[in-house]
Amino acid sequence: MGFFKADDTISGQEARAYTTINGQVEEMFYAKNLEATAEKNKAEIKTLGKRGTQHKATGWSGSGSMTIYYATSLFRKMMLDYIKNGKDIYFDIQVVNEDPTSSIGKQTTVLKNVNLDSVIMAQFDVDSDALEEDIDFTFDDVDILDEFNKPVLG
């Protein structure tokens, strides 16, 4: 029986992330972590002849969060544009997971039509070594451009 080799785990530090806003691509070098989840919406269905409740998928919803170092004004400017002008900005985030020590290659995922939920407009903390901010967002489409290969078992 084969086993999954430790070399094939993916180091989170090897990831790269990019935003595409109004056609402009920016590397998200200030990002610390990101997690995006697609969740099914389900309806409860009761039918004759079955005591239990069944479930039927009726759609999905995308949401996520990221922690970034407090080192860019990009997201604050986007929120400010909405506050002052009512202009809501939707953008894409591309995440590349590629660890050169792994035999499984890379996975590239694009979150589409990302929209920010909240942004810290100003902060300070005299006890902090590095200021960070958590940003929640939604997205309404996703693509996987590159898929991981199957691992070579040990």
N, C-alpha and C. Protein backbone atom coordinates (compact mmCIF):
# COMPACT_ATOMS: atom_id res chain seq x y z
N MET A 1 0.85 -1.18 0.00
CA MET A 1 0.00 0.00 0.00
C MET A 1 0.89 1.24 0.00
N GLY A 2 0.58 2.19 -0.86
CA GLY A 2 1.36 3.42 -0.94
C GLY A 2 0.95 4.43 0.12
N PHE A 3 1.75 5.47 0.23
CA PHE A 3 1.44 6.53 1.19
C PHE A 3 1.76 7.89 0.57
N PHE A 4 1.11 8.88 1.09
CA PHE A 4 1.31 10.27 0.65
C PHE A 4 2.63 10.77 1.24
N LYS A 5 3.52 11.26 0.39
CA LYS A 5 4.83 11.71 0.84
C LYS A 5 4.76 13.14 1.38
N ALA A 6 5.46 13.38 2.46
CA ALA A 6 5.48 14.70 3.08
C ALA A 6 5.96 15.78 2.11
N ASP A 7 6.85 15.42 1.18
CA ASP A 7 7.35 16.39 0.20
C ASP A 7 6.23 16.96 -0.66
N ASP A 8 5.13 16.22 -0.79
CA ASP A 8 4.03 16.66 -1.64
C ASP A 8 3.03 17.56 -0.95
N THR A 9 3.22 17.83 0.34
CA THR A 9 2.38 18.84 0.98
C THR A 9 2.78 20.21 0.41
N ILE A 10 1.86 21.13 0.42
CA ILE A 10 2.09 22.44 -0.18
C ILE A 10 2.37 23.46 0.93
N SER A 11 3.52 24.10 0.84
CA SER A 11 3.85 25.15 1.80
C SER A 11 3.05 26.41 1.47
N GLY A 12 2.38 26.95 2.47
CA GLY A 12 1.60 28.17 2.27
C GLY A 12 2.46 29.37 1.90
N GLN A 13 3.72 29.36 2.29
CA GLN A 13 4.61 30.48 1.98
C GLN A 13 4.99 30.52 0.51
N GLU A 14 4.75 29.43 -0.22
CA GLU A 14 5.09 29.38 -1.64
C GLU A 14 3.98 29.91 -2.53
N ALA A 15 2.87 30.34 -1.95
CA ALA A 15 1.75 30.85 -2.75
C ALA A 15 2.07 32.24 -3.31
N ARG A 16 1.34 32.58 -4.36
CA ARG A 16 1.36 33.93 -4.92
C ARG A 16 -0.09 34.35 -5.12
N ALA A 17 -0.36 35.63 -4.97
CA ALA A 17 -1.73 36.13 -5.17
C ALA A 17 -1.67 37.45 -5.92
N TYR A 18 -2.67 37.66 -6.77
CA TYR A 18 -2.74 38.86 -7.60
C TYR A 18 -4.17 39.37 -7.60
N THR A 19 -4.33 40.68 -7.64
CA THR A 19 -5.65 41.27 -7.88
C THR A 19 -5.65 41.86 -9.28
N THR A 20 -6.79 41.80 -9.91
CA THR A 20 -6.99 42.49 -11.19
C THR A 20 -8.16 43.44 -10.98
N ILE A 21 -7.85 44.74 -10.95
CA ILE A 21 -8.85 45.77 -10.71
C ILE A 21 -8.83 46.72 -11.90
N ASN A 22 -9.97 46.82 -12.57
CA ASN A 22 -10.08 47.68 -13.76
C ASN A 22 -8.97 47.39 -14.76
N GLY A 23 -8.65 46.11 -14.95
CA GLY A 23 -7.64 45.72 -15.92
C GLY A 23 -6.20 45.83 -15.43
N GLN A 24 -5.98 46.39 -14.26
CA GLN A 24 -4.64 46.55 -13.70
C GLN A 24 -4.34 45.37 -12.77
N VAL A 25 -3.21 44.71 -12.97
CA VAL A 25 -2.82 43.57 -12.15
C VAL A 25 -1.82 44.04 -11.10
N GLU A 26 -2.07 43.66 -9.84
CA GLU A 26 -1.16 44.00 -8.75
C GLU A 26 -0.85 42.75 -7.95
N GLU A 27 0.43 42.50 -7.70
CA GLU A 27 0.80 41.38 -6.85
C GLU A 27 0.45 41.72 -5.41
N MET A 28 -0.14 40.78 -4.73
CA MET A 28 -0.57 41.00 -3.35
C MET A 28 0.53 40.56 -2.38
N PHE A 29 1.69 41.18 -2.50
CA PHE A 29 2.84 40.84 -1.67
C PHE A 29 2.58 41.10 -0.19
N TYR A 30 1.57 41.90 0.12
CA TYR A 30 1.24 42.26 1.50
C TYR A 30 0.26 41.29 2.15
N ALA A 31 -0.18 40.26 1.40
CA ALA A 31 -1.16 39.31 1.94
C ALA A 31 -0.48 38.31 2.87
N LYS A 32 -1.14 37.99 3.94
CA LYS A 32 -0.63 37.01 4.91
C LYS A 32 -1.36 35.68 4.77
N ASN A 33 -2.68 35.74 4.58
CA ASN A 33 -3.45 34.52 4.33
C ASN A 33 -4.75 34.88 3.63
N LEU A 34 -5.31 33.89 2.97
CA LEU A 34 -6.58 34.06 2.26
C LEU A 34 -7.28 32.71 2.27
N GLU A 35 -8.59 32.75 2.47
CA GLU A 35 -9.40 31.55 2.39
C GLU A 35 -10.72 31.92 1.74
N ALA A 36 -11.09 31.20 0.68
CA ALA A 36 -12.34 31.45 -0.03
C ALA A 36 -13.14 30.15 -0.06
N THR A 37 -14.43 30.24 0.22
CA THR A 37 -15.28 29.07 0.33
C THR A 37 -16.50 29.22 -0.58
N ALA A 38 -16.80 28.15 -1.31
CA ALA A 38 -18.05 28.08 -2.07
C ALA A 38 -18.99 27.20 -1.26
N GLU A 39 -20.15 27.73 -0.94
CA GLU A 39 -21.11 27.01 -0.10
C GLU A 39 -22.41 26.83 -0.87
N LYS A 40 -22.92 25.60 -0.88
CA LYS A 40 -24.20 25.33 -1.53
C LYS A 40 -25.34 25.88 -0.69
N ASN A 41 -26.32 26.44 -1.35
CA ASN A 41 -27.60 26.77 -0.73
C ASN A 41 -28.49 25.54 -0.95
N LYS A 42 -29.15 25.10 0.11
CA LYS A 42 -29.98 23.90 -0.01
C LYS A 42 -31.36 24.15 0.56
N ALA A 43 -32.34 23.55 -0.11
CA ALA A 43 -33.72 23.59 0.37
C ALA A 43 -34.02 22.25 1.04
N GLU A 44 -34.80 22.31 2.11
CA GLU A 44 -35.25 21.08 2.75
C GLU A 44 -36.51 20.61 2.03
N ILE A 45 -36.51 19.36 1.64
CA ILE A 45 -37.62 18.79 0.88
C ILE A 45 -38.21 17.62 1.66
N LYS A 46 -39.51 17.70 1.93
CA LYS A 46 -40.21 16.60 2.58
C LYS A 46 -41.13 15.94 1.55
N THR A 47 -41.14 14.61 1.54
CA THR A 47 -41.95 13.90 0.58
C THR A 47 -42.75 12.81 1.27
N LEU A 48 -43.84 12.43 0.62
CA LEU A 48 -44.64 11.31 1.12
C LEU A 48 -43.80 10.04 1.07
N GLY A 49 -43.97 9.19 2.03
CA GLY A 49 -43.28 7.91 2.03
C GLY A 49 -41.88 7.95 2.61
N LYS A 50 -41.41 9.12 3.04
CA LYS A 50 -40.08 9.21 3.64
C LYS A 50 -40.17 10.11 4.85
N ARG A 51 -39.82 9.55 6.00
CA ARG A 51 -39.93 10.33 7.23
C ARG A 51 -38.84 11.39 7.34
N GLY A 52 -37.70 11.10 6.80
CA GLY A 52 -36.57 12.03 6.90
C GLY A 52 -36.71 13.19 5.92
N THR A 53 -36.01 14.24 6.22
CA THR A 53 -35.96 15.40 5.34
C THR A 53 -34.83 15.21 4.34
N GLN A 54 -35.15 15.43 3.08
CA GLN A 54 -34.14 15.37 2.03
C GLN A 54 -33.64 16.80 1.76
N HIS A 55 -32.55 16.90 1.05
CA HIS A 55 -31.98 18.21 0.73
C HIS A 55 -31.68 18.30 -0.75
N LYS A 56 -31.99 19.48 -1.30
CA LYS A 56 -31.74 19.71 -2.73
C LYS A 56 -30.96 21.00 -2.87
N ALA A 57 -29.86 20.93 -3.62
CA ALA A 57 -29.06 22.12 -3.88
C ALA A 57 -29.87 23.09 -4.75
N THR A 58 -29.89 24.36 -4.36
CA THR A 58 -30.66 25.37 -5.09
C THR A 58 -29.79 26.53 -5.58
N GLY A 59 -28.49 26.43 -5.36
CA GLY A 59 -27.58 27.49 -5.78
C GLY A 59 -26.33 27.45 -4.91
N TRP A 60 -25.56 28.50 -4.96
CA TRP A 60 -24.35 28.55 -4.15
C TRP A 60 -24.00 30.00 -3.86
N SER A 61 -23.11 30.17 -2.90
CA SER A 61 -22.66 31.49 -2.49
C SER A 61 -21.17 31.43 -2.20
N GLY A 62 -20.44 32.42 -2.64
CA GLY A 62 -19.00 32.46 -2.41
C GLY A 62 -18.65 33.55 -1.42
N SER A 63 -17.84 33.20 -0.43
CA SER A 63 -17.38 34.19 0.54
C SER A 63 -15.96 33.85 0.96
N GLY A 64 -15.28 34.84 1.49
CA GLY A 64 -13.92 34.59 1.91
C GLY A 64 -13.42 35.66 2.84
N SER A 65 -12.20 35.44 3.28
CA SER A 65 -11.53 36.41 4.14
C SER A 65 -10.04 36.35 3.86
N MET A 66 -9.39 37.45 4.12
CA MET A 66 -7.94 37.48 4.00
C MET A 66 -7.39 38.39 5.08
N THR A 67 -6.20 38.08 5.50
CA THR A 67 -5.47 38.94 6.42
C THR A 67 -4.30 39.50 5.65
N ILE A 68 -4.19 40.81 5.69
CA ILE A 68 -3.07 41.46 5.00
C ILE A 68 -2.32 42.33 6.00
N TYR A 69 -1.06 42.55 5.70
CA TYR A 69 -0.32 43.52 6.49
C TYR A 69 -0.84 44.91 6.13
N TYR A 70 -0.92 45.76 7.11
CA TYR A 70 -1.45 47.12 6.95
C TYR A 70 -0.39 47.94 6.21
N ALA A 71 -0.26 47.65 4.90
CA ALA A 71 0.83 48.23 4.12
C ALA A 71 0.40 48.70 2.74
N THR A 72 -0.91 48.76 2.52
CA THR A 72 -1.42 49.24 1.23
C THR A 72 -2.69 50.05 1.48
N SER A 73 -2.87 51.07 0.67
CA SER A 73 -4.09 51.89 0.75
C SER A 73 -5.11 51.46 -0.30
N LEU A 74 -4.77 50.46 -1.10
CA LEU A 74 -5.61 50.04 -2.22
C LEU A 74 -7.06 49.78 -1.81
N PHE A 75 -7.28 48.97 -0.81
CA PHE A 75 -8.64 48.60 -0.42
C PHE A 75 -9.36 49.76 0.27
N ARG A 76 -8.62 50.57 1.02
CA ARG A 76 -9.22 51.77 1.63
C ARG A 76 -9.68 52.75 0.55
N LYS A 77 -8.90 52.89 -0.51
CA LYS A 77 -9.30 53.79 -1.61
C LYS A 77 -10.55 53.27 -2.31
N MET A 78 -10.65 51.95 -2.44
CA MET A 78 -11.84 51.37 -3.07
C MET A 78 -13.07 51.64 -2.20
N MET A 79 -12.93 51.46 -0.89
CA MET A 79 -14.05 51.71 0.02
C MET A 79 -14.40 53.20 0.03
N LEU A 80 -13.38 54.04 0.00
CA LEU A 80 -13.62 55.48 -0.01
C LEU A 80 -14.37 55.91 -1.27
N ASP A 81 -14.05 55.30 -2.40
CA ASP A 81 -14.76 55.61 -3.64
C ASP A 81 -16.24 55.25 -3.50
N TYR A 82 -16.53 54.14 -2.82
CA TYR A 82 -17.92 53.79 -2.58
C TYR A 82 -18.58 54.77 -1.61
N ILE A 83 -17.89 55.13 -0.54
CA ILE A 83 -18.45 56.04 0.46
C ILE A 83 -18.75 57.40 -0.15
N LYS A 84 -17.81 57.93 -0.91
CA LYS A 84 -17.95 59.30 -1.44
C LYS A 84 -18.78 59.37 -2.71
N ASN A 85 -18.67 58.35 -3.57
CA ASN A 85 -19.28 58.44 -4.90
C ASN A 85 -20.30 57.36 -5.21
N GLY A 86 -20.45 56.38 -4.30
CA GLY A 86 -21.39 55.30 -4.55
C GLY A 86 -20.90 54.30 -5.58
N LYS A 87 -19.62 54.38 -5.96
CA LYS A 87 -19.07 53.47 -6.97
C LYS A 87 -18.52 52.23 -6.28
N ASP A 88 -19.20 51.11 -6.49
CA ASP A 88 -18.77 49.85 -5.91
C ASP A 88 -17.87 49.15 -6.91
N ILE A 89 -16.76 48.63 -6.45
CA ILE A 89 -15.77 48.04 -7.34
C ILE A 89 -15.75 46.53 -7.14
N TYR A 90 -15.81 45.81 -8.24
CA TYR A 90 -15.70 44.37 -8.26
C TYR A 90 -14.40 44.03 -8.97
N PHE A 91 -13.69 43.03 -8.46
CA PHE A 91 -12.38 42.70 -9.01
C PHE A 91 -12.13 41.21 -8.88
N ASP A 92 -11.03 40.74 -9.45
CA ASP A 92 -10.67 39.32 -9.39
C ASP A 92 -9.44 39.14 -8.50
N ILE A 93 -9.36 37.99 -7.87
CA ILE A 93 -8.16 37.59 -7.13
C ILE A 93 -7.72 36.24 -7.68
N GLN A 94 -6.46 36.17 -8.07
CA GLN A 94 -5.88 34.92 -8.56
C GLN A 94 -4.90 34.41 -7.51
N VAL A 95 -5.07 33.14 -7.13
CA VAL A 95 -4.19 32.50 -6.15
C VAL A 95 -3.46 31.35 -6.83
N VAL A 96 -2.14 31.36 -6.74
CA VAL A 96 -1.31 30.29 -7.30
C VAL A 96 -0.64 29.56 -6.14
N ASN A 97 -0.92 28.27 -6.01
CA ASN A 97 -0.25 27.42 -5.03
C ASN A 97 0.73 26.54 -5.78
N GLU A 98 2.02 26.78 -5.56
CA GLU A 98 3.05 26.01 -6.27
C GLU A 98 4.28 25.90 -5.37
N ASP A 99 4.52 24.70 -4.89
CA ASP A 99 5.66 24.43 -4.02
C ASP A 99 6.68 23.64 -4.85
N PRO A 100 7.88 24.20 -5.07
CA PRO A 100 8.85 23.51 -5.93
C PRO A 100 9.33 22.17 -5.39
N THR A 101 9.14 21.88 -4.10
CA THR A 101 9.57 20.58 -3.56
C THR A 101 8.53 19.49 -3.79
N SER A 102 7.34 19.85 -4.24
CA SER A 102 6.25 18.91 -4.41
C SER A 102 6.18 18.40 -5.85
N SER A 103 5.81 17.14 -6.01
CA SER A 103 5.66 16.58 -7.36
C SER A 103 4.27 16.84 -7.94
N ILE A 104 3.37 17.48 -7.17
CA ILE A 104 2.00 17.63 -7.67
C ILE A 104 1.78 18.88 -8.51
N GLY A 105 2.82 19.68 -8.71
CA GLY A 105 2.70 20.84 -9.59
C GLY A 105 2.01 22.01 -8.93
N LYS A 106 1.19 22.72 -9.70
CA LYS A 106 0.55 23.91 -9.16
C LYS A 106 -0.94 23.90 -9.41
N GLN A 107 -1.62 24.70 -8.60
CA GLN A 107 -3.04 24.96 -8.79
C GLN A 107 -3.21 26.47 -8.86
N THR A 108 -3.92 26.92 -9.87
CA THR A 108 -4.22 28.34 -10.02
C THR A 108 -5.73 28.51 -9.98
N THR A 109 -6.21 29.31 -9.02
CA THR A 109 -7.63 29.54 -8.84
C THR A 109 -7.91 31.03 -8.99
N VAL A 110 -8.96 31.37 -9.72
CA VAL A 110 -9.36 32.77 -9.88
C VAL A 110 -10.74 32.96 -9.26
N LEU A 111 -10.80 33.85 -8.27
CA LEU A 111 -12.07 34.26 -7.67
C LEU A 111 -12.54 35.47 -8.46
N LYS A 112 -13.75 35.42 -8.99
CA LYS A 112 -14.23 36.49 -9.87
C LYS A 112 -15.31 37.33 -9.19
N ASN A 113 -15.33 38.58 -9.57
CA ASN A 113 -16.31 39.54 -9.05
C ASN A 113 -16.27 39.62 -7.53
N VAL A 114 -15.04 39.73 -7.01
CA VAL A 114 -14.84 39.89 -5.57
C VAL A 114 -15.35 41.26 -5.17
N ASN A 115 -16.05 41.31 -4.04
CA ASN A 115 -16.58 42.57 -3.52
C ASN A 115 -16.31 42.61 -2.02
N LEU A 116 -15.73 43.69 -1.56
CA LEU A 116 -15.35 43.82 -0.16
C LEU A 116 -16.56 44.04 0.73
N ASP A 117 -16.55 43.41 1.91
CA ASP A 117 -17.59 43.62 2.91
C ASP A 117 -17.23 44.77 3.84
N SER A 118 -16.00 44.77 4.31
CA SER A 118 -15.57 45.80 5.25
C SER A 118 -14.08 46.02 5.12
N VAL A 119 -13.65 47.23 5.44
CA VAL A 119 -12.25 47.61 5.36
C VAL A 119 -11.92 48.49 6.56
N ILE A 120 -10.80 48.26 7.18
CA ILE A 120 -10.34 49.14 8.24
C ILE A 120 -9.84 50.42 7.58
N MET A 121 -10.42 51.55 7.97
CA MET A 121 -10.05 52.82 7.35
C MET A 121 -8.83 53.46 8.02
N ALA A 122 -8.64 53.20 9.31
CA ALA A 122 -7.46 53.71 10.03
C ALA A 122 -7.26 52.84 11.25
N GLN A 123 -5.99 52.70 11.65
CA GLN A 123 -5.70 51.93 12.85
C GLN A 123 -4.32 52.25 13.38
N PHE A 124 -4.13 51.99 14.65
CA PHE A 124 -2.81 51.92 15.24
C PHE A 124 -2.88 51.04 16.47
N ASP A 125 -1.73 50.51 16.87
CA ASP A 125 -1.64 49.65 18.04
C ASP A 125 -0.20 49.72 18.52
N VAL A 126 0.02 50.37 19.64
CA VAL A 126 1.39 50.57 20.13
C VAL A 126 2.04 49.26 20.57
N ASP A 127 1.25 48.22 20.80
CA ASP A 127 1.81 46.93 21.21
C ASP A 127 2.07 45.98 20.04
N SER A 128 1.74 46.40 18.85
CA SER A 128 1.87 45.52 17.69
C SER A 128 3.24 45.66 17.03
N ASP A 129 3.85 44.53 16.68
CA ASP A 129 5.10 44.55 15.92
C ASP A 129 4.83 44.84 14.45
N ALA A 130 3.69 44.39 13.95
CA ALA A 130 3.30 44.62 12.56
C ALA A 130 1.78 44.74 12.50
N LEU A 131 1.29 45.85 11.99
CA LEU A 131 -0.16 46.02 11.88
C LEU A 131 -0.71 45.12 10.79
N GLU A 132 -1.86 44.53 11.08
CA GLU A 132 -2.55 43.66 10.14
C GLU A 132 -4.01 44.07 10.08
N GLU A 133 -4.68 43.67 8.99
CA GLU A 133 -6.12 43.88 8.92
C GLU A 133 -6.78 42.67 8.29
N ASP A 134 -7.97 42.35 8.78
CA ASP A 134 -8.77 41.27 8.25
C ASP A 134 -9.83 41.87 7.33
N ILE A 135 -9.94 41.30 6.14
CA ILE A 135 -10.90 41.81 5.15
C ILE A 135 -11.80 40.65 4.72
N ASP A 136 -13.10 40.81 4.89
CA ASP A 136 -14.07 39.83 4.44
C ASP A 136 -14.58 40.25 3.06
N PHE A 137 -14.94 39.26 2.24
CA PHE A 137 -15.40 39.56 0.90
C PHE A 137 -16.35 38.47 0.40
N THR A 138 -17.02 38.79 -0.68
CA THR A 138 -17.84 37.81 -1.39
C THR A 138 -17.32 37.71 -2.82
N PHE A 139 -17.67 36.64 -3.50
CA PHE A 139 -17.37 36.47 -4.93
C PHE A 139 -18.51 35.67 -5.54
N ASP A 140 -18.70 35.82 -6.87
CA ASP A 140 -19.84 35.13 -7.46
C ASP A 140 -19.49 34.21 -8.63
N ASP A 141 -18.18 33.99 -8.84
CA ASP A 141 -17.76 33.05 -9.87
C ASP A 141 -16.34 32.61 -9.52
N VAL A 142 -15.94 31.47 -10.03
CA VAL A 142 -14.60 30.95 -9.75
C VAL A 142 -14.17 30.05 -10.90
N ASP A 143 -12.89 30.07 -11.22
CA ASP A 143 -12.31 29.17 -12.21
C ASP A 143 -11.05 28.54 -11.64
N ILE A 144 -10.76 27.32 -12.04
CA ILE A 144 -9.48 26.69 -11.72
C ILE A 144 -8.73 26.58 -13.05
N LEU A 145 -7.68 27.39 -13.19
CA LEU A 145 -6.91 27.43 -14.44
C LEU A 145 -5.89 26.31 -14.53
N ASP A 146 -5.27 25.96 -13.41
CA ASP A 146 -4.30 24.86 -13.34
C ASP A 146 -4.72 23.96 -12.19
N GLU A 147 -4.64 22.65 -12.40
CA GLU A 147 -5.00 21.70 -11.36
C GLU A 147 -3.76 20.97 -10.87
N PHE A 148 -3.76 20.61 -9.58
CA PHE A 148 -2.69 19.78 -9.05
C PHE A 148 -2.68 18.44 -9.79
N ASN A 149 -1.49 17.88 -9.97
CA ASN A 149 -1.35 16.52 -10.49
C ASN A 149 -1.61 15.54 -9.35
N LYS A 150 -1.88 14.30 -9.68
CA LYS A 150 -2.00 13.27 -8.65
C LYS A 150 -0.62 13.04 -8.05
N PRO A 151 -0.56 12.87 -6.73
CA PRO A 151 0.76 12.65 -6.12
C PRO A 151 1.34 11.28 -6.47
N VAL A 152 2.65 11.22 -6.48
CA VAL A 152 3.35 9.95 -6.65
C VAL A 152 3.44 9.34 -5.25
N LEU A 153 2.84 8.18 -5.06
CA LEU A 153 2.82 7.55 -3.75
C LEU A 153 4.17 6.93 -3.43
N GLY A 154 4.50 6.97 -2.15
CA GLY A 154 5.77 6.39 -1.69
C GLY A 154 5.62 4.92 -1.42
